[in-house]
Amino acid sequence: MTPYTLVSIIQSLFQFYNFLILAYCLLTWIPMNPNGLLADIGAVLESLVGPFLNFFRRFMPAMGGIDFSPVIAVLALTLIERLLIGILL
């Protein structure tokens, strides 16, 4: 496996996780039926991105009712991705 293939895989994984965070944020704005399909999707997304977002929520509580932890999480993911790619190349 060439380094460029590995970099491509890493970029795809980070991009997918960023998409999951965005989807989770958008789903939190939609009122859901507790027994509906969206609630099930939201539960799966919560289990995937919730622990990562909770790490940032501990250090940065919601300000004015707005949770900025997804923004900080995406910035942290971008930084980690760039560091990994820099190490590999």
Protein backbone atom coordinates (compact mmCIF):
# COMPACT_ATOMS: atom_id res chain seq x y z
CA MET A 1 0.00 0.00 0.00
CA THR A 2 1.50 3.30 -1.07
CA PRO A 3 1.53 6.29 1.28
CA TYR A 4 -0.82 8.16 -1.05
CA THR A 5 -3.38 5.37 -0.87
CA LEU A 6 -3.18 5.42 2.91
CA VAL A 7 -3.60 9.21 2.90
CA SER A 8 -6.66 8.86 0.68
CA ILE A 9 -8.19 6.32 3.07
CA ILE A 10 -7.49 8.55 6.08
CA GLN A 11 -9.02 11.57 4.35
CA SER A 12 -12.12 9.56 3.46
CA LEU A 13 -12.56 8.33 7.03
CA PHE A 14 -12.21 11.82 8.50
CA GLN A 15 -14.57 13.26 5.90
CA PHE A 16 -17.14 10.57 6.71
CA TYR A 17 -16.91 11.28 10.45
CA ASN A 18 -17.29 15.02 9.78
CA PHE A 19 -20.41 14.19 7.77
CA LEU A 20 -21.76 12.15 10.70
CA ILE A 21 -21.24 15.12 13.03
CA LEU A 22 -23.05 17.41 10.59
CA ALA A 23 -25.93 14.95 10.19
CA TYR A 24 -26.22 14.64 13.97
CA CYS A 25 -26.35 18.44 14.36
CA LEU A 26 -29.03 18.78 11.70
CA LEU A 27 -31.12 15.99 13.24
CA THR A 28 -31.12 17.72 16.62
CA TRP A 29 -33.07 20.60 15.07
CA ILE A 30 -35.87 18.37 13.79
CA PRO A 31 -38.72 17.46 16.13
CA MET A 32 -38.97 13.67 16.18
CA ASN A 33 -41.51 11.07 17.10
CA PRO A 34 -39.85 8.88 19.79
CA ASN A 35 -40.86 5.71 17.92
CA GLY A 36 -40.05 6.97 14.43
CA LEU A 37 -37.29 6.27 11.97
CA LEU A 38 -35.57 9.60 12.60
CA ALA A 39 -35.34 8.82 16.31
CA ASP A 40 -33.60 5.54 15.47
CA ILE A 41 -31.18 7.30 13.12
CA GLY A 42 -30.57 9.94 15.78
CA ALA A 43 -29.81 7.25 18.36
CA VAL A 44 -27.27 5.61 16.05
CA LEU A 45 -25.63 8.96 15.32
CA GLU A 46 -25.60 9.80 19.03
CA SER A 47 -23.80 6.54 19.77
CA LEU A 48 -21.23 7.25 17.04
CA VAL A 49 -20.47 10.94 17.59
CA GLY A 50 -21.80 11.55 21.10
CA PRO A 51 -18.70 10.41 23.02
CA PHE A 52 -16.43 12.56 20.85
CA LEU A 53 -18.67 15.62 21.23
CA ASN A 54 -19.06 15.03 24.97
CA PHE A 55 -15.30 15.34 25.34
CA PHE A 56 -15.51 18.92 24.07
CA ARG A 57 -18.72 19.69 25.95
CA ARG A 58 -16.88 19.13 29.23
CA PHE A 59 -14.52 22.00 28.45
CA MET A 60 -16.93 24.29 26.63
CA PRO A 61 -20.50 24.38 27.93
CA ALA A 62 -23.34 25.70 25.79
CA MET A 63 -23.35 29.49 25.59
CA GLY A 64 -26.73 31.13 25.30
CA GLY A 65 -28.35 27.78 24.54
CA ILE A 66 -26.05 27.15 21.58
CA ASP A 67 -23.70 24.17 21.64
CA PHE A 68 -20.42 24.98 19.91
CA SER A 69 -18.84 21.59 20.61
CA PRO A 70 -19.45 20.31 17.04
CA VAL A 71 -17.52 23.26 15.62
CA ILE A 72 -14.59 22.62 17.95
CA ALA A 73 -14.80 18.88 17.24
CA VAL A 74 -14.62 19.42 13.47
CA LEU A 75 -11.66 21.77 13.91
CA ALA A 76 -9.92 19.19 16.10
CA LEU A 77 -10.60 16.45 13.53
CA THR A 78 -9.16 18.63 10.78
CA LEU A 79 -6.05 19.30 12.86
CA ILE A 80 -5.59 15.61 13.65
CA GLU A 81 -6.10 14.70 9.99
CA ARG A 82 -3.48 17.19 8.83
CA LEU A 83 -1.02 16.00 11.47
CA LEU A 84 -1.47 12.36 10.42
CA ILE A 85 -1.06 13.19 6.75
CA GLY A 86 2.00 15.30 7.51
CA ILE A 87 3.56 12.40 9.40
CA LEU A 88 2.80 9.92 6.60
CA LEU A 89 4.11 12.10 3.80
